[in-house]
Amino acid sequence: MFKNEEMEINLGPQHPSTHGVLRVKLRLDGETVVKCTPIIGYLHRGVEKICENKTFFQGQVWTDRMDYVAAISNNLGWAEGVEKLFGIEVPRRARYIRTMLTEMNRLASHLLWLATHALDIGAMTVFLYTFREREYLLDLFEAFCGARLTTTAFRIGGLREDLPPGFIKQAQAFQGIFLDCLEEYETLLSENRIWKKRTVGVAKISAEDCIALGVTGPVLRAAGVPYDIRKAFPSAAYAEMDFEIPTRPEADTYARYLVRLAEMRQSHRIIQQCIDGLPEGPVMAKIPKILKSEVNEVYHSIEAPKGELGYYFVGEKGGTTPYRMHVRAPSFVNMQALSKMVEGRLLADVIAAIGTLDVVLGEIDR
C-alpha cells in the first residue's frame, strides 16, 4: 500500500513571491496545503518606538519606510492624526492637493501590485506595461517634492510648498492616457484563459471571515462589503469628491483583481475632480514651530491602497513627542487571512494568495 506522509516546507523568507522577507511554514499532503503558518518579524525596525522619541514633525519621515510602495498615504495618515490631536485646520487648497497626490499614490501602488502579482503567476508582459505608467506617476512625485519613493510629501498643517509650475499640465497629460492603458492591461489579462485558471475560485474568503479577522481594503470589498473609509469617515477633500466603491460578490483572487482595476478608474476620476476644482489660497496653516501636546488621545484612519491604515496617538502635558504611537497596518491585519485562503488548496495557489493580499513587509514588521 502506498503511504503518503505529510511534509513541512518553508516558503521564503528569500523567495521572491513572498514580496519581502515573509516566511510561510506549510504542512503539505502531496501538493495539498494542510496547514499554513505565516511567520513575520524579519524586517522589524522598531518604527513605533522610534517615533515616540521623535518630535511630531520628525516622526513623519519614518512613515515613508513602512509601506514604502504607498509612502504618500502613510504621510497623510500621520499628518491628519497629529492635526486631529492638536485641532489644526488645514487650508482647503492643501486638502485638495493632498487628495490628488494620495490617489496618484493609490494608482502607483496598484500598478506595482498588478505587475508583481501577474509576474508571480507567470504573466511577465504586464510588468512592462504597468511600470511604464508608474514611472509617469513617480515623475510627478519627484516634481512635487524631489523624491520618487520615500516622499515625506506633506507637512503637519498642510504642505511644505505649493504645486510647482507645470505640475497640473503634466498631471493632465497622464490623465489623458491612463484609461487607455488600463484597457491594455485588461486586454492582456481579463479573458486570458491561463490567468483565469490561476485566479477564478482561488483563495476564496467569505465576507463573514473577512469581518471576523478585521480584513479591510480591496480584499474586503471583493467579498461584497462596500466599506471604504473615504466614504465612511472622509478626510482630506474626499467629502467633496464624487466616486463609487467597487465591490464584487465572488470573494476570490479574480474578484480582487477586478476590484483593484475598478478602483484605479475611480482614482482617475477623483484626480480629475481635484484638478478641475482646485481652489486658490494658502497651502499651510499657521502653527507654532514646536508642538506641545496636552493629555489627550486620538485614533485616525485613512483608506490606504491596502486597506485601513490607522494611527493612534497619546499626548502628554507639554510633550513635544508622542507619549504613545501605534500603527494599525492593513498588511499586518490582512495577512491573517492567508491561512483561511489556502488551507485545503494546492501549493501553487499559495503564490496567488500572497499576491492577491498585496502585502508589504515593511508595514507588517515596522
Protein backbone atom coordinates (compact mmCIF):
# COMPACT_ATOMS: atom_id res chain seq x y z
CA MET A 1 0.00 0.00 0.00
CA PHE A 2 1.32 3.46 -0.93
CA LYS A 3 1.99 5.56 2.17
CA ASN A 4 1.81 9.33 1.76
CA GLU A 5 3.38 11.18 4.69
CA GLU A 6 2.82 14.87 5.38
CA MET A 7 5.81 17.11 4.82
CA GLU A 8 6.71 20.54 6.23
CA ILE A 9 8.40 23.10 3.99
CA ASN A 10 9.31 26.78 4.24
CA LEU A 11 8.24 29.20 1.52
CA GLY A 12 10.52 32.20 2.00
CA PRO A 13 11.83 34.35 3.56
CA GLN A 14 14.11 34.63 0.50
CA HIS A 15 11.55 33.53 -2.08
CA PRO A 16 10.72 36.43 -4.47
CA SER A 17 6.98 35.69 -4.50
CA THR A 18 6.67 36.46 -0.76
CA HIS A 19 7.06 40.19 -1.58
CA GLY A 20 9.66 40.83 1.09
CA VAL A 21 11.03 38.79 3.94
CA LEU A 22 7.90 36.74 4.69
CA ARG A 23 8.32 33.13 5.76
CA VAL A 24 5.35 30.83 5.28
CA LYS A 25 5.55 27.47 7.04
CA LEU A 26 3.49 24.93 5.10
CA ARG A 27 2.45 21.40 6.01
CA LEU A 28 1.68 19.51 2.82
CA ASP A 29 -0.08 16.29 1.96
CA GLY A 30 1.29 15.78 -1.53
CA GLU A 31 0.60 19.19 -3.11
CA THR A 32 -2.37 19.99 -0.86
CA VAL A 33 -1.82 22.53 1.91
CA VAL A 34 -2.91 21.03 5.24
CA LYS A 35 -1.73 23.92 7.42
CA CYS A 36 -0.31 27.37 6.66
CA THR A 37 1.51 29.48 9.25
CA PRO A 38 2.86 32.94 8.22
CA ILE A 39 5.97 33.86 10.21
CA ILE A 40 6.89 37.56 10.33
CA GLY A 41 9.40 39.80 12.08
CA TYR A 42 12.42 39.61 9.78
CA LEU A 43 12.13 43.32 8.90
CA HIS A 44 11.29 44.73 12.33
CA ARG A 45 12.95 48.12 12.90
CA GLY A 46 11.01 49.48 15.87
CA VAL A 47 9.39 52.34 13.96
CA GLU A 48 6.70 52.99 16.59
CA LYS A 49 9.19 53.20 19.46
CA ILE A 50 11.48 55.42 17.38
CA CYS A 51 8.57 57.79 16.66
CA GLU A 52 7.88 58.05 20.40
CA ASN A 53 11.36 59.54 20.72
CA LYS A 54 10.98 61.96 17.80
CA THR A 55 9.03 65.21 17.68
CA PHE A 56 5.68 65.25 15.90
CA PHE A 57 7.43 66.86 12.92
CA GLN A 58 10.33 64.39 12.82
CA GLY A 59 8.19 61.25 13.11
CA GLN A 60 6.53 61.78 9.75
CA VAL A 61 9.74 60.84 7.90
CA TRP A 62 9.56 57.33 9.39
CA THR A 63 6.11 56.70 7.95
CA ASP A 64 7.62 56.58 4.44
CA ARG A 65 9.57 53.48 5.40
CA MET A 66 6.60 51.34 6.42
CA ASP A 67 4.56 50.76 3.25
CA TYR A 68 7.26 52.19 1.01
CA VAL A 69 5.08 51.49 -2.06
CA ALA A 70 2.45 53.93 -0.74
CA ALA A 71 4.50 56.45 1.24
CA ILE A 72 2.13 59.35 0.50
CA SER A 73 -0.80 57.50 2.11
CA ASN A 74 1.34 56.92 5.21
CA ASN A 75 2.23 60.62 5.26
CA LEU A 76 -1.44 61.58 5.05
CA GLY A 77 -2.43 59.35 7.96
CA TRP A 78 0.33 60.70 10.22
CA ALA A 79 -0.27 64.35 9.31
CA GLU A 80 -4.05 64.15 9.80
CA GLY A 81 -3.66 62.19 13.03
CA VAL A 82 -1.38 64.85 14.52
CA GLU A 83 -3.67 67.61 13.21
CA LYS A 84 -6.60 65.92 14.95
CA LEU A 85 -4.57 65.69 18.18
CA PHE A 86 -3.80 69.43 18.09
CA GLY A 87 -7.02 70.69 16.46
CA ILE A 88 -5.23 72.13 13.41
CA GLU A 89 -7.42 73.23 10.47
CA VAL A 90 -5.77 72.58 7.07
CA PRO A 91 -6.40 75.06 4.20
CA ARG A 92 -8.82 73.82 1.52
CA ARG A 93 -6.27 74.05 -1.31
CA ALA A 94 -3.86 71.88 0.66
CA ARG A 95 -6.62 69.31 1.26
CA TYR A 96 -7.32 69.13 -2.48
CA ILE A 97 -3.64 68.67 -3.34
CA ARG A 98 -3.32 66.02 -0.62
CA THR A 99 -6.29 64.15 -2.08
CA MET A 100 -4.91 64.32 -5.62
CA LEU A 101 -1.45 63.07 -4.61
CA THR A 102 -2.86 60.32 -2.39
CA GLU A 103 -4.95 58.99 -5.29
CA MET A 104 -1.93 59.14 -7.60
CA ASN A 105 -0.12 57.12 -4.96
CA ARG A 106 -3.01 54.61 -4.92
CA LEU A 107 -2.55 54.20 -8.67
CA ALA A 108 1.22 53.72 -8.28
CA SER A 109 0.65 51.12 -5.55
CA HIS A 110 -1.99 49.19 -7.53
CA LEU A 111 0.19 49.26 -10.65
CA LEU A 112 3.08 47.70 -8.73
CA TRP A 113 0.67 45.14 -7.25
CA LEU A 114 -0.64 44.18 -10.70
CA ALA A 115 2.90 43.91 -12.11
CA THR A 116 4.22 41.64 -9.35
CA HIS A 117 1.01 39.61 -8.92
CA ALA A 118 0.91 38.80 -12.64
CA LEU A 119 4.65 38.04 -12.63
CA ASP A 120 4.21 35.60 -9.72
CA ILE A 121 1.53 33.70 -11.63
CA GLY A 122 3.55 33.66 -14.87
CA ALA A 123 2.34 36.69 -16.88
CA MET A 124 5.53 38.64 -17.48
CA THR A 125 4.39 41.15 -20.12
CA VAL A 126 2.06 43.03 -17.76
CA PHE A 127 5.04 44.10 -15.64
CA LEU A 128 6.49 46.04 -18.58
CA TYR A 129 3.17 47.79 -19.26
CA THR A 130 2.32 48.84 -15.68
CA PHE A 131 5.81 50.12 -14.89
CA ARG A 132 5.56 52.44 -17.89
CA GLU A 133 2.65 54.32 -16.27
CA ARG A 134 4.08 54.04 -12.76
CA GLU A 135 7.21 55.87 -13.93
CA TYR A 136 4.97 58.71 -15.10
CA LEU A 137 3.48 58.95 -11.60
CA LEU A 138 6.89 58.81 -9.90
CA ASP A 139 7.99 61.67 -12.15
CA LEU A 140 5.03 63.68 -10.80
CA PHE A 141 6.03 62.89 -7.20
CA GLU A 142 9.60 63.94 -7.96
CA ALA A 143 8.38 67.20 -9.49
CA PHE A 144 6.31 67.92 -6.37
CA CYS A 145 8.70 67.03 -3.55
CA GLY A 146 12.01 65.88 -5.06
CA ALA A 147 11.55 62.20 -4.11
CA ARG A 148 10.08 59.29 -6.02
CA LEU A 149 9.51 56.61 -3.39
CA THR A 150 10.00 57.80 0.21
CA THR A 151 8.38 61.17 -0.33
CA THR A 152 7.55 62.81 3.04
CA ALA A 153 5.15 64.71 0.78
CA PHE A 154 3.02 66.51 3.39
CA ARG A 155 3.62 68.61 6.48
CA ILE A 156 1.60 68.94 9.67
CA GLY A 157 -0.75 71.82 8.88
CA GLY A 158 -0.71 71.39 5.10
CA LEU A 159 2.10 71.27 2.55
CA ARG A 160 5.72 72.40 2.54
CA GLU A 161 5.05 74.39 -0.62
CA ASP A 162 2.50 74.76 -3.41
CA LEU A 163 2.44 72.78 -6.66
CA PRO A 164 5.43 73.56 -8.90
CA PRO A 165 4.95 75.30 -12.29
CA GLY A 166 3.81 72.85 -14.97
CA PHE A 167 2.60 70.20 -12.49
CA ILE A 168 -1.08 70.44 -13.48
CA LYS A 169 -0.20 70.25 -17.18
CA GLN A 170 1.92 67.15 -16.51
CA ALA A 171 -0.88 65.60 -14.46
CA GLN A 172 -3.42 66.31 -17.21
CA ALA A 173 -1.16 64.57 -19.73
CA PHE A 174 -1.13 61.47 -17.51
CA GLN A 175 -4.92 61.63 -17.09
CA GLY A 176 -5.29 61.72 -20.87
CA ILE A 177 -3.53 58.39 -21.42
CA PHE A 178 -4.26 56.33 -18.31
CA LEU A 179 -7.73 54.93 -19.10
CA ASP A 180 -6.45 53.62 -22.44
CA CYS A 181 -3.54 51.98 -20.60
CA LEU A 182 -5.99 50.30 -18.20
CA GLU A 183 -7.77 48.80 -21.18
CA GLU A 184 -4.44 47.40 -22.37
CA TYR A 185 -3.97 45.59 -19.04
CA GLU A 186 -7.48 44.20 -19.27
CA THR A 187 -6.86 43.02 -22.84
CA LEU A 188 -3.79 41.13 -21.64
CA LEU A 189 -5.40 39.50 -18.59
CA SER A 190 -9.15 39.71 -18.07
CA GLU A 191 -10.16 37.00 -20.57
CA ASN A 192 -6.80 35.23 -20.69
CA ARG A 193 -7.65 31.58 -20.04
CA ILE A 194 -4.42 30.85 -18.14
CA TRP A 195 -4.92 33.91 -15.89
CA LYS A 196 -8.49 32.87 -15.16
CA LYS A 197 -7.44 29.27 -14.42
CA ARG A 198 -4.98 30.60 -11.82
CA THR A 199 -7.36 33.14 -10.23
CA VAL A 200 -11.06 32.19 -10.59
CA GLY A 201 -12.21 30.33 -7.48
CA VAL A 202 -8.72 30.55 -5.96
CA ALA A 203 -8.03 31.80 -2.39
CA LYS A 204 -11.68 32.44 -1.54
CA ILE A 205 -12.58 34.05 1.77
CA SER A 206 -16.12 34.95 2.81
CA ALA A 207 -17.32 38.37 3.93
CA GLU A 208 -18.02 36.92 7.40
CA ASP A 209 -14.45 35.66 7.73
CA CYS A 210 -13.07 38.99 6.46
CA ILE A 211 -15.06 40.91 9.09
CA ALA A 212 -14.12 38.44 11.86
CA LEU A 213 -10.41 38.80 11.01
CA GLY A 214 -10.54 42.59 10.56
CA VAL A 215 -9.62 42.42 6.87
CA THR A 216 -10.13 45.72 5.02
CA GLY A 217 -9.44 47.28 1.64
CA PRO A 218 -9.90 45.59 -1.76
CA VAL A 219 -9.91 42.11 -0.15
CA LEU A 220 -13.00 43.01 1.91
CA ARG A 221 -14.73 44.83 -0.96
CA ALA A 222 -14.13 41.84 -3.29
CA ALA A 223 -16.16 39.80 -0.76
CA GLY A 224 -19.13 42.11 -1.34
CA VAL A 225 -18.74 44.53 1.61
CA PRO A 226 -18.90 48.18 0.41
CA TYR A 227 -16.73 49.60 3.20
CA ASP A 228 -14.33 52.40 2.27
CA ILE A 229 -13.03 54.90 4.84
CA ARG A 230 -13.02 57.64 2.19
CA LYS A 231 -16.84 57.37 2.28
CA ALA A 232 -17.41 56.21 5.87
CA PHE A 233 -15.09 58.73 7.59
CA PRO A 234 -13.95 61.16 4.87
CA SER A 235 -10.77 63.15 5.42
CA ALA A 236 -8.69 65.50 3.23
CA ALA A 237 -11.14 66.61 0.48
CA TYR A 238 -12.90 63.26 -0.04
CA ALA A 239 -16.22 64.58 1.26
CA GLU A 240 -16.29 66.90 -1.78
CA MET A 241 -15.46 64.15 -4.31
CA ASP A 242 -17.94 62.12 -6.35
CA PHE A 243 -16.82 58.49 -6.67
CA GLU A 244 -18.11 54.93 -6.24
CA ILE A 245 -16.98 51.98 -4.11
CA PRO A 246 -16.31 48.99 -6.42
CA THR A 247 -17.37 45.61 -4.98
CA ARG A 248 -17.65 42.04 -6.23
CA PRO A 249 -19.54 39.08 -4.73
CA GLU A 250 -17.18 36.23 -5.73
CA ALA A 251 -14.54 36.77 -2.99
CA ASP A 252 -11.76 35.06 -4.98
CA THR A 253 -8.44 36.17 -6.49
CA TYR A 254 -10.06 37.16 -9.79
CA ALA A 255 -12.64 39.32 -7.98
CA ARG A 256 -9.87 41.15 -6.11
CA TYR A 257 -8.14 41.77 -9.46
CA LEU A 258 -11.35 43.26 -10.88
CA VAL A 259 -11.96 45.41 -7.77
CA ARG A 260 -8.47 46.92 -7.92
CA LEU A 261 -8.84 47.68 -11.64
CA ALA A 262 -12.16 49.39 -10.90
CA GLU A 263 -10.53 51.31 -8.02
CA MET A 264 -7.92 52.65 -10.43
CA ARG A 265 -10.72 54.04 -12.58
CA GLN A 266 -12.25 55.72 -9.52
CA SER A 267 -8.85 57.15 -8.52
CA HIS A 268 -8.51 58.59 -12.03
CA ARG A 269 -11.96 60.16 -11.56
CA ILE A 270 -11.02 61.70 -8.20
CA ILE A 271 -7.74 63.11 -9.54
CA GLN A 272 -9.63 64.79 -12.39
CA GLN A 273 -12.08 66.37 -9.93
CA CYS A 274 -9.15 67.69 -7.86
CA ILE A 275 -7.54 69.22 -10.96
CA ASP A 276 -10.80 70.77 -12.20
CA GLY A 277 -11.91 72.11 -8.81
CA LEU A 278 -8.54 73.08 -7.30
CA PRO A 279 -9.24 76.18 -5.16
CA GLU A 280 -6.94 79.15 -4.71
CA GLY A 281 -5.45 80.09 -1.36
CA PRO A 282 -2.67 79.16 1.06
CA VAL A 283 -1.35 75.60 1.46
CA MET A 284 -0.12 75.83 5.05
CA ALA A 285 -1.90 76.61 8.30
CA LYS A 286 -0.32 78.92 10.85
CA ILE A 287 1.12 76.61 13.50
CA PRO A 288 3.87 77.04 16.13
CA LYS A 289 7.37 75.80 15.37
CA ILE A 290 7.21 73.50 18.38
CA LEU A 291 4.06 71.48 19.03
CA LYS A 292 3.41 70.75 22.72
CA SER A 293 0.56 68.36 23.42
CA GLU A 294 -1.96 68.12 26.21
CA VAL A 295 -3.10 64.89 27.86
CA ASN A 296 -5.16 63.51 25.02
CA GLU A 297 -5.51 60.53 22.70
CA VAL A 298 -6.75 60.19 19.13
CA TYR A 299 -7.17 57.46 16.54
CA HIS A 300 -7.25 58.49 12.90
CA SER A 301 -7.59 56.15 9.94
CA ILE A 302 -7.47 56.59 6.17
CA GLU A 303 -8.18 54.30 3.22
CA ALA A 304 -4.69 53.28 2.12
CA PRO A 305 -4.28 51.19 -1.07
CA LYS A 306 -4.16 48.02 1.04
CA GLY A 307 -6.96 48.85 3.49
CA GLU A 308 -7.50 50.71 6.75
CA LEU A 309 -4.31 52.47 7.85
CA GLY A 310 -4.77 53.87 11.36
CA TYR A 311 -2.59 55.99 13.65
CA TYR A 312 -3.12 56.04 17.40
CA PHE A 313 -1.50 58.91 19.31
CA VAL A 314 -1.37 59.59 23.03
CA GLY A 315 -0.22 63.05 24.10
CA GLU A 316 1.18 64.04 27.49
CA LYS A 317 1.04 67.52 29.01
CA GLY A 318 3.74 69.72 27.49
CA GLY A 319 5.15 66.81 25.47
CA THR A 320 6.88 67.51 22.16
CA THR A 321 6.88 63.81 21.25
CA PRO A 322 4.02 61.26 21.29
CA TYR A 323 3.77 59.53 24.67
CA ARG A 324 2.49 56.52 22.70
CA MET A 325 2.18 55.90 18.98
CA HIS A 326 0.79 52.79 17.35
CA VAL A 327 0.02 51.98 13.71
CA ARG A 328 -2.84 49.78 12.55
CA ALA A 329 -1.15 48.49 9.41
CA PRO A 330 -3.55 46.94 6.85
CA SER A 331 -0.95 44.47 5.56
CA PHE A 332 -0.42 43.14 9.10
CA VAL A 333 -4.12 42.56 9.73
CA ASN A 334 -4.87 41.25 6.22
CA MET A 335 -2.05 38.69 6.49
CA GLN A 336 -4.24 36.79 8.98
CA ALA A 337 -6.47 35.81 6.06
CA LEU A 338 -3.74 33.82 4.29
CA SER A 339 -4.32 30.58 6.22
CA LYS A 340 -8.09 30.74 5.58
CA MET A 341 -7.45 31.27 1.89
CA VAL A 342 -5.01 28.43 1.21
CA GLU A 343 -5.64 25.55 3.62
CA GLY A 344 -7.15 22.69 1.63
CA ARG A 345 -5.88 24.09 -1.69
CA LEU A 346 -2.79 23.37 -3.79
CA LEU A 347 0.72 24.67 -3.15
CA ALA A 348 0.65 26.76 -6.35
CA ASP A 349 -2.37 28.65 -5.00
CA VAL A 350 -0.31 29.94 -2.05
CA ILE A 351 1.66 32.11 -4.50
CA ALA A 352 -1.57 33.55 -5.95
CA ALA A 353 -2.96 34.15 -2.43
CA ILE A 354 0.09 36.09 -1.22
CA GLY A 355 -0.04 38.20 -4.37
CA THR A 356 -3.76 38.90 -4.09
CA LEU A 357 -3.38 40.14 -0.49
CA ASP A 358 -0.89 42.79 -1.71
CA VAL A 359 1.21 42.91 1.46
CA VAL A 360 4.37 44.93 2.14
CA LEU A 361 6.59 43.52 4.86
CA GLY A 362 8.00 46.89 5.86
CA GLU A 363 4.49 47.75 7.04
CA ILE A 364 3.82 44.36 8.66
CA ASP A 365 7.02 44.27 10.72
CA ARG A 366 7.55 48.03 11.16
